[in-house]
Amino acid sequence: MILISGCLNGHNPSYDGVVKVNENMRDLVKNNRAIPVCPELLGGLSVPRERNEIKGSSGEDVIAGKCRVMSESGKDITKAFLRGAEIVLSIAKKHNIKKAVLKSKSPACGCGQIYDGTFTGRLIKGDGVTCALLKMNGIEVIDEITFENTSPV
């Protein structure tokens, strides 16, 4: 069993309300091989919503209290991201999850690359808040692009 970002199987739309379906992910959920999660919704955010980015660093620094997650209009939504990440971690622990496939570039789920916090589309190295927390707890995390280029679970 693995965790996947809910938006990847159409379970939840992305921040802008667009449904993004990855058929391989959808099949994993249908066959009870994956649990879809959306840390942003679990943290209390709604759909649709403004774009959000980590200001100045990555998920590890958000967890450490060194930087914040901000909406495009400047609202600090760090607490929602931290709450959602904690809930996802508790789901992972409950189901003895060892691997997660999360949405690339997301401030919650991004794995290896995220937007830089300027809302200009510039990418930097780093992980989203949930990705970072899962990794800190020994869970392997990859993005959907890597997943598609590797063998199934």
N, C-alpha and C. Protein backbone atom coordinates (compact mmCIF):
# COMPACT_ATOMS: atom_id res chain seq x y z
N MET A 1 0.85 -1.18 0.00
CA MET A 1 0.00 0.00 0.00
C MET A 1 0.89 1.24 0.00
N ILE A 2 0.51 2.23 -0.80
CA ILE A 2 1.23 3.50 -0.85
C ILE A 2 0.25 4.65 -0.64
N LEU A 3 0.79 5.83 -0.35
CA LEU A 3 0.00 7.06 -0.35
C LEU A 3 0.19 7.74 -1.68
N ILE A 4 -0.85 8.40 -2.17
CA ILE A 4 -0.70 9.24 -3.36
C ILE A 4 -1.43 10.56 -3.13
N SER A 5 -0.97 11.59 -3.81
CA SER A 5 -1.69 12.87 -3.78
C SER A 5 -3.06 12.67 -4.37
N GLY A 6 -4.09 13.09 -3.64
CA GLY A 6 -5.46 12.91 -4.09
C GLY A 6 -5.75 13.52 -5.46
N CYS A 7 -5.08 14.60 -5.78
CA CYS A 7 -5.33 15.25 -7.08
C CYS A 7 -4.88 14.40 -8.25
N LEU A 8 -3.97 13.47 -8.01
CA LEU A 8 -3.44 12.66 -9.12
C LEU A 8 -4.41 11.59 -9.61
N ASN A 9 -5.37 11.22 -8.79
CA ASN A 9 -6.34 10.22 -9.25
C ASN A 9 -7.72 10.82 -9.41
N GLY A 10 -7.81 12.15 -9.38
CA GLY A 10 -9.08 12.81 -9.56
C GLY A 10 -9.91 12.83 -8.30
N HIS A 11 -9.38 12.30 -7.19
CA HIS A 11 -10.10 12.25 -5.92
C HIS A 11 -10.40 13.66 -5.44
N ASN A 12 -9.44 14.53 -5.53
CA ASN A 12 -9.61 15.94 -5.19
C ASN A 12 -9.04 16.77 -6.32
N PRO A 13 -9.69 17.88 -6.65
CA PRO A 13 -9.09 18.75 -7.66
C PRO A 13 -7.89 19.49 -7.08
N SER A 14 -7.07 20.03 -7.98
CA SER A 14 -5.93 20.82 -7.51
C SER A 14 -6.43 22.17 -6.99
N TYR A 15 -5.51 23.01 -6.51
CA TYR A 15 -5.86 24.28 -5.87
C TYR A 15 -6.80 25.14 -6.71
N ASP A 16 -6.67 25.04 -8.05
CA ASP A 16 -7.46 25.88 -8.94
C ASP A 16 -8.78 25.24 -9.37
N GLY A 17 -9.10 24.08 -8.81
CA GLY A 17 -10.34 23.39 -9.14
C GLY A 17 -10.25 22.47 -10.33
N VAL A 18 -9.09 22.39 -10.97
CA VAL A 18 -8.91 21.53 -12.14
C VAL A 18 -8.65 20.10 -11.68
N VAL A 19 -9.38 19.17 -12.26
CA VAL A 19 -9.19 17.76 -11.94
C VAL A 19 -8.07 17.22 -12.81
N LYS A 20 -7.06 16.65 -12.18
CA LYS A 20 -5.91 16.07 -12.88
C LYS A 20 -5.94 14.57 -12.62
N VAL A 21 -6.13 13.79 -13.65
CA VAL A 21 -6.25 12.35 -13.46
C VAL A 21 -5.07 11.64 -14.09
N ASN A 22 -4.44 10.80 -13.30
CA ASN A 22 -3.39 9.92 -13.78
C ASN A 22 -4.00 8.52 -13.71
N GLU A 23 -4.20 7.89 -14.85
CA GLU A 23 -4.89 6.60 -14.88
C GLU A 23 -4.20 5.53 -14.05
N ASN A 24 -2.87 5.53 -14.03
CA ASN A 24 -2.15 4.56 -13.20
C ASN A 24 -2.45 4.76 -11.72
N MET A 25 -2.52 6.00 -11.30
CA MET A 25 -2.85 6.29 -9.91
C MET A 25 -4.29 5.89 -9.61
N ARG A 26 -5.18 6.21 -10.51
CA ARG A 26 -6.59 5.86 -10.32
C ARG A 26 -6.74 4.35 -10.18
N ASP A 27 -6.01 3.59 -11.00
CA ASP A 27 -6.07 2.12 -10.92
C ASP A 27 -5.56 1.61 -9.58
N LEU A 28 -4.48 2.22 -9.07
CA LEU A 28 -3.96 1.80 -7.78
C LEU A 28 -4.99 1.99 -6.67
N VAL A 29 -5.70 3.11 -6.72
CA VAL A 29 -6.73 3.37 -5.71
C VAL A 29 -7.89 2.39 -5.88
N LYS A 30 -8.34 2.20 -7.12
CA LYS A 30 -9.44 1.25 -7.39
C LYS A 30 -9.12 -0.15 -6.90
N ASN A 31 -7.87 -0.54 -7.03
CA ASN A 31 -7.45 -1.89 -6.65
C ASN A 31 -6.95 -1.96 -5.21
N ASN A 32 -7.27 -0.95 -4.41
CA ASN A 32 -6.90 -0.91 -2.99
C ASN A 32 -5.40 -1.07 -2.75
N ARG A 33 -4.60 -0.47 -3.64
CA ARG A 33 -3.16 -0.50 -3.48
C ARG A 33 -2.60 0.87 -3.11
N ALA A 34 -3.49 1.88 -3.06
CA ALA A 34 -3.06 3.24 -2.73
C ALA A 34 -4.17 3.96 -1.98
N ILE A 35 -3.74 4.86 -1.10
CA ILE A 35 -4.66 5.71 -0.35
C ILE A 35 -4.44 7.15 -0.82
N PRO A 36 -5.48 7.79 -1.37
CA PRO A 36 -5.32 9.18 -1.79
C PRO A 36 -5.45 10.13 -0.60
N VAL A 37 -4.55 11.11 -0.55
CA VAL A 37 -4.57 12.12 0.51
C VAL A 37 -4.33 13.49 -0.11
N CYS A 38 -4.93 14.50 0.48
CA CYS A 38 -4.64 15.87 0.08
C CYS A 38 -4.32 16.66 1.35
N PRO A 39 -3.04 16.89 1.61
CA PRO A 39 -2.67 17.60 2.84
C PRO A 39 -3.25 19.01 2.93
N GLU A 40 -3.44 19.65 1.80
CA GLU A 40 -3.97 21.01 1.83
C GLU A 40 -5.42 21.01 2.27
N LEU A 41 -6.22 20.08 1.75
CA LEU A 41 -7.61 19.98 2.19
C LEU A 41 -7.69 19.47 3.63
N LEU A 42 -6.87 18.48 3.96
CA LEU A 42 -6.85 17.97 5.33
C LEU A 42 -6.44 19.05 6.33
N GLY A 43 -5.64 19.99 5.88
CA GLY A 43 -5.21 21.10 6.74
C GLY A 43 -6.23 22.21 6.87
N GLY A 44 -7.33 22.12 6.11
CA GLY A 44 -8.40 23.10 6.23
C GLY A 44 -8.55 24.09 5.10
N LEU A 45 -7.74 23.95 4.04
CA LEU A 45 -7.88 24.85 2.90
C LEU A 45 -9.01 24.37 1.99
N SER A 46 -9.53 25.27 1.18
CA SER A 46 -10.66 24.93 0.31
C SER A 46 -10.22 24.86 -1.15
N VAL A 47 -11.13 24.43 -2.00
CA VAL A 47 -10.93 24.40 -3.45
C VAL A 47 -12.09 25.14 -4.07
N PRO A 48 -11.87 26.07 -4.98
CA PRO A 48 -10.55 26.56 -5.40
C PRO A 48 -9.98 27.50 -4.34
N ARG A 49 -8.69 27.80 -4.50
CA ARG A 49 -8.01 28.72 -3.60
C ARG A 49 -6.88 29.41 -4.38
N GLU A 50 -6.32 30.41 -3.76
CA GLU A 50 -5.18 31.09 -4.36
C GLU A 50 -3.98 30.15 -4.45
N ARG A 51 -3.06 30.50 -5.33
CA ARG A 51 -1.79 29.77 -5.35
C ARG A 51 -1.07 30.03 -4.03
N ASN A 52 -0.34 29.01 -3.60
CA ASN A 52 0.45 29.11 -2.37
C ASN A 52 1.86 28.67 -2.69
N GLU A 53 2.83 29.31 -2.04
CA GLU A 53 4.23 28.93 -2.21
C GLU A 53 4.96 29.11 -0.89
N ILE A 54 6.02 28.34 -0.74
CA ILE A 54 6.89 28.48 0.43
C ILE A 54 7.80 29.67 0.19
N LYS A 55 7.78 30.60 1.09
CA LYS A 55 8.54 31.84 0.94
C LYS A 55 9.97 31.66 1.44
N GLY A 56 10.91 31.59 0.50
CA GLY A 56 12.31 31.67 0.87
C GLY A 56 13.05 30.38 1.09
N SER A 57 12.39 29.25 1.10
CA SER A 57 13.12 28.01 1.35
C SER A 57 12.24 26.82 0.99
N SER A 58 12.29 25.77 1.82
CA SER A 58 11.53 24.56 1.51
C SER A 58 10.83 24.01 2.74
N GLY A 59 10.16 22.88 2.57
CA GLY A 59 9.35 22.29 3.62
C GLY A 59 10.08 22.02 4.91
N GLU A 60 11.34 21.61 4.83
CA GLU A 60 12.12 21.35 6.04
C GLU A 60 12.21 22.59 6.90
N ASP A 61 12.41 23.74 6.26
CA ASP A 61 12.51 24.99 7.00
C ASP A 61 11.15 25.46 7.53
N VAL A 62 10.07 25.14 6.82
CA VAL A 62 8.74 25.45 7.34
C VAL A 62 8.51 24.66 8.63
N ILE A 63 8.83 23.37 8.61
CA ILE A 63 8.67 22.52 9.78
C ILE A 63 9.51 23.03 10.95
N ALA A 64 10.70 23.52 10.65
CA ALA A 64 11.61 24.04 11.68
C ALA A 64 11.25 25.46 12.13
N GLY A 65 10.23 26.06 11.51
CA GLY A 65 9.82 27.41 11.88
C GLY A 65 10.68 28.51 11.31
N LYS A 66 11.49 28.20 10.30
CA LYS A 66 12.42 29.17 9.73
C LYS A 66 11.83 29.97 8.56
N CYS A 67 10.72 29.49 7.98
CA CYS A 67 10.06 30.22 6.89
C CYS A 67 8.58 29.88 6.89
N ARG A 68 7.84 30.52 6.01
CA ARG A 68 6.38 30.42 6.02
C ARG A 68 5.84 30.00 4.65
N VAL A 69 4.60 29.51 4.65
CA VAL A 69 3.87 29.26 3.41
C VAL A 69 2.90 30.42 3.26
N MET A 70 2.94 31.06 2.09
CA MET A 70 2.14 32.26 1.87
C MET A 70 1.23 32.09 0.66
N SER A 71 0.05 32.72 0.74
CA SER A 71 -0.83 32.77 -0.44
C SER A 71 -0.33 33.89 -1.34
N GLU A 72 -0.82 33.88 -2.56
CA GLU A 72 -0.37 34.89 -3.52
C GLU A 72 -0.71 36.31 -3.05
N SER A 73 -1.80 36.46 -2.28
CA SER A 73 -2.18 37.79 -1.78
C SER A 73 -1.46 38.16 -0.48
N GLY A 74 -0.59 37.27 0.02
CA GLY A 74 0.21 37.58 1.19
C GLY A 74 -0.31 37.03 2.51
N LYS A 75 -1.31 36.17 2.48
CA LYS A 75 -1.84 35.57 3.71
C LYS A 75 -0.94 34.41 4.15
N ASP A 76 -0.58 34.40 5.43
CA ASP A 76 0.23 33.33 5.99
C ASP A 76 -0.67 32.12 6.25
N ILE A 77 -0.41 31.02 5.54
CA ILE A 77 -1.22 29.81 5.69
C ILE A 77 -0.38 28.63 6.15
N THR A 78 0.72 28.94 6.81
CA THR A 78 1.64 27.92 7.30
C THR A 78 0.95 26.90 8.18
N LYS A 79 0.10 27.34 9.11
CA LYS A 79 -0.56 26.41 10.04
C LYS A 79 -1.36 25.34 9.31
N ALA A 80 -2.05 25.71 8.25
CA ALA A 80 -2.84 24.74 7.49
C ALA A 80 -1.93 23.70 6.83
N PHE A 81 -0.79 24.13 6.32
CA PHE A 81 0.15 23.20 5.69
C PHE A 81 0.77 22.25 6.71
N LEU A 82 1.10 22.77 7.88
CA LEU A 82 1.66 21.92 8.92
C LEU A 82 0.61 20.93 9.45
N ARG A 83 -0.60 21.40 9.66
CA ARG A 83 -1.68 20.53 10.13
C ARG A 83 -1.95 19.41 9.12
N GLY A 84 -2.04 19.76 7.84
CA GLY A 84 -2.27 18.76 6.81
C GLY A 84 -1.16 17.73 6.72
N ALA A 85 0.08 18.19 6.85
CA ALA A 85 1.23 17.27 6.81
C ALA A 85 1.17 16.30 7.98
N GLU A 86 0.83 16.78 9.16
CA GLU A 86 0.73 15.92 10.35
C GLU A 86 -0.38 14.88 10.18
N ILE A 87 -1.50 15.28 9.60
CA ILE A 87 -2.59 14.34 9.38
C ILE A 87 -2.18 13.27 8.37
N VAL A 88 -1.51 13.67 7.30
CA VAL A 88 -1.02 12.69 6.32
C VAL A 88 -0.04 11.73 6.97
N LEU A 89 0.85 12.25 7.79
CA LEU A 89 1.80 11.38 8.49
C LEU A 89 1.07 10.38 9.38
N SER A 90 0.03 10.82 10.06
CA SER A 90 -0.71 9.90 10.93
C SER A 90 -1.41 8.82 10.11
N ILE A 91 -1.90 9.16 8.94
CA ILE A 91 -2.51 8.16 8.05
C ILE A 91 -1.44 7.16 7.60
N ALA A 92 -0.28 7.67 7.24
CA ALA A 92 0.81 6.79 6.81
C ALA A 92 1.21 5.83 7.92
N LYS A 93 1.31 6.33 9.13
CA LYS A 93 1.69 5.46 10.26
C LYS A 93 0.61 4.42 10.54
N LYS A 94 -0.64 4.85 10.48
CA LYS A 94 -1.77 3.94 10.75
C LYS A 94 -1.78 2.76 9.79
N HIS A 95 -1.39 3.02 8.53
CA HIS A 95 -1.43 1.99 7.49
C HIS A 95 -0.06 1.40 7.19
N ASN A 96 0.93 1.73 8.02
CA ASN A 96 2.30 1.22 7.84
C ASN A 96 2.83 1.50 6.43
N ILE A 97 2.61 2.71 5.96
CA ILE A 97 3.03 3.13 4.62
C ILE A 97 4.53 3.35 4.60
N LYS A 98 5.17 2.86 3.56
CA LYS A 98 6.61 3.02 3.39
C LYS A 98 6.97 3.88 2.17
N LYS A 99 5.96 4.14 1.29
CA LYS A 99 6.23 4.88 0.06
C LYS A 99 5.05 5.79 -0.27
N ALA A 100 5.37 6.97 -0.81
CA ALA A 100 4.34 7.91 -1.24
C ALA A 100 4.70 8.47 -2.62
N VAL A 101 3.67 8.69 -3.42
CA VAL A 101 3.82 9.33 -4.73
C VAL A 101 3.03 10.63 -4.64
N LEU A 102 3.76 11.76 -4.66
CA LEU A 102 3.14 13.05 -4.45
C LEU A 102 3.28 13.96 -5.66
N LYS A 103 2.41 14.95 -5.74
CA LYS A 103 2.35 15.88 -6.86
C LYS A 103 3.58 16.78 -6.91
N SER A 104 4.23 16.75 -8.05
CA SER A 104 5.45 17.54 -8.22
C SER A 104 5.19 19.05 -8.06
N LYS A 105 6.18 19.74 -7.57
CA LYS A 105 6.28 21.20 -7.48
C LYS A 105 5.35 21.85 -6.45
N SER A 106 4.48 21.09 -5.83
CA SER A 106 3.51 21.61 -4.88
C SER A 106 4.18 22.06 -3.58
N PRO A 107 3.68 23.14 -2.94
CA PRO A 107 4.25 23.55 -1.66
C PRO A 107 3.96 22.55 -0.54
N ALA A 108 3.00 21.67 -0.75
CA ALA A 108 2.74 20.61 0.21
C ALA A 108 3.44 19.33 -0.21
N CYS A 109 3.26 18.93 -1.45
CA CYS A 109 3.67 17.60 -1.91
C CYS A 109 4.93 17.57 -2.74
N GLY A 110 5.41 18.69 -3.20
CA GLY A 110 6.56 18.72 -4.09
C GLY A 110 7.73 17.90 -3.57
N CYS A 111 8.38 17.21 -4.48
CA CYS A 111 9.48 16.31 -4.12
C CYS A 111 10.69 16.64 -4.99
N GLY A 112 11.69 17.29 -4.39
CA GLY A 112 12.91 17.61 -5.12
C GLY A 112 12.92 18.99 -5.73
N GLN A 113 11.75 19.49 -6.13
CA GLN A 113 11.64 20.83 -6.72
C GLN A 113 10.32 21.45 -6.30
N ILE A 114 10.39 22.71 -5.91
CA ILE A 114 9.19 23.48 -5.58
C ILE A 114 9.36 24.89 -6.13
N TYR A 115 8.25 25.63 -6.17
CA TYR A 115 8.34 27.03 -6.59
C TYR A 115 9.00 27.85 -5.49
N ASP A 116 9.66 28.93 -5.88
CA ASP A 116 10.54 29.67 -4.98
C ASP A 116 9.88 30.69 -4.06
N GLY A 117 8.58 30.85 -4.12
CA GLY A 117 7.90 31.78 -3.23
C GLY A 117 7.67 33.15 -3.81
N THR A 118 8.07 33.35 -5.07
CA THR A 118 7.89 34.67 -5.70
C THR A 118 6.70 34.70 -6.66
N PHE A 119 6.05 33.56 -6.87
CA PHE A 119 4.90 33.42 -7.77
C PHE A 119 5.26 33.82 -9.20
N THR A 120 6.50 33.56 -9.58
CA THR A 120 6.97 33.86 -10.94
C THR A 120 7.19 32.60 -11.77
N GLY A 121 6.94 31.44 -11.19
CA GLY A 121 7.15 30.19 -11.90
C GLY A 121 8.56 29.65 -11.78
N ARG A 122 9.42 30.31 -11.02
CA ARG A 122 10.81 29.87 -10.85
C ARG A 122 10.86 28.71 -9.86
N LEU A 123 11.55 27.65 -10.25
CA LEU A 123 11.70 26.47 -9.41
C LEU A 123 13.04 26.48 -8.69
N ILE A 124 13.03 25.91 -7.48
CA ILE A 124 14.25 25.73 -6.70
C ILE A 124 14.30 24.29 -6.19
N LYS A 125 15.48 23.86 -5.76
CA LYS A 125 15.59 22.55 -5.13
C LYS A 125 14.91 22.60 -3.77
N GLY A 126 14.21 21.52 -3.45
CA GLY A 126 13.56 21.45 -2.15
C GLY A 126 12.31 20.61 -2.20
N ASP A 127 11.76 20.36 -1.03
CA ASP A 127 10.55 19.55 -0.89
C ASP A 127 9.44 20.39 -0.29
N GLY A 128 8.21 20.02 -0.59
CA GLY A 128 7.06 20.62 0.06
C GLY A 128 6.98 20.16 1.51
N VAL A 129 6.06 20.75 2.26
CA VAL A 129 5.96 20.51 3.70
C VAL A 129 5.62 19.05 4.00
N THR A 130 4.63 18.49 3.35
CA THR A 130 4.24 17.09 3.60
C THR A 130 5.33 16.14 3.15
N CYS A 131 5.89 16.38 2.00
CA CYS A 131 6.98 15.54 1.51
C CYS A 131 8.12 15.53 2.51
N ALA A 132 8.50 16.69 3.00
CA ALA A 132 9.60 16.78 3.96
C ALA A 132 9.29 16.01 5.23
N LEU A 133 8.07 16.16 5.75
CA LEU A 133 7.71 15.47 6.98
C LEU A 133 7.70 13.95 6.79
N LEU A 134 7.20 13.49 5.67
CA LEU A 134 7.21 12.05 5.40
C LEU A 134 8.64 11.53 5.33
N LYS A 135 9.50 12.24 4.61
CA LYS A 135 10.90 11.83 4.50
C LYS A 135 11.58 11.81 5.87
N MET A 136 11.30 12.80 6.70
CA MET A 136 11.88 12.87 8.04
C MET A 136 11.48 11.66 8.88
N ASN A 137 10.38 11.04 8.50
CA ASN A 137 9.87 9.88 9.23
C ASN A 137 10.11 8.57 8.50
N GLY A 138 11.08 8.58 7.58
CA GLY A 138 11.53 7.35 6.93
C GLY A 138 10.67 6.82 5.80
N ILE A 139 9.77 7.64 5.30
CA ILE A 139 8.92 7.22 4.19
C ILE A 139 9.55 7.69 2.88
N GLU A 140 9.70 6.78 1.94
CA GLU A 140 10.23 7.13 0.62
C GLU A 140 9.19 7.94 -0.13
N VAL A 141 9.61 9.06 -0.72
CA VAL A 141 8.69 9.91 -1.47
C VAL A 141 9.25 10.15 -2.86
N ILE A 142 8.41 9.96 -3.86
CA ILE A 142 8.75 10.30 -5.24
C ILE A 142 7.60 11.09 -5.84
N ASP A 143 7.87 11.80 -6.93
CA ASP A 143 6.79 12.51 -7.60
C ASP A 143 6.18 11.64 -8.68
N GLU A 144 5.08 12.09 -9.24
CA GLU A 144 4.35 11.29 -10.23
C GLU A 144 5.15 11.07 -11.50
N ILE A 145 6.04 11.98 -11.83
CA ILE A 145 6.85 11.84 -13.04
C ILE A 145 7.85 10.70 -12.86
N THR A 146 8.50 10.68 -11.72
CA THR A 146 9.43 9.58 -11.41
C THR A 146 8.68 8.26 -11.36
N PHE A 147 7.51 8.26 -10.75
CA PHE A 147 6.70 7.06 -10.65
C PHE A 147 6.39 6.49 -12.03
N GLU A 148 6.01 7.36 -12.95
CA GLU A 148 5.65 6.93 -14.30
C GLU A 148 6.85 6.34 -15.05
N ASN A 149 8.04 6.76 -14.66
CA ASN A 149 9.26 6.30 -15.33
C ASN A 149 9.92 5.12 -14.64
N THR A 150 9.28 4.59 -13.60
CA THR A 150 9.81 3.44 -12.89
C THR A 150 8.79 2.31 -12.89
N SER A 151 9.17 1.20 -12.37
CA SER A 151 8.24 0.07 -12.32
C SER A 151 7.14 0.34 -11.30
N PRO A 152 5.98 -0.29 -11.48
CA PRO A 152 4.88 -0.10 -10.54
C PRO A 152 5.25 -0.57 -9.14
N VAL A 153 4.41 -0.19 -8.18
CA VAL A 153 4.62 -0.49 -6.76
C VAL A 153 4.79 -1.95 -6.52
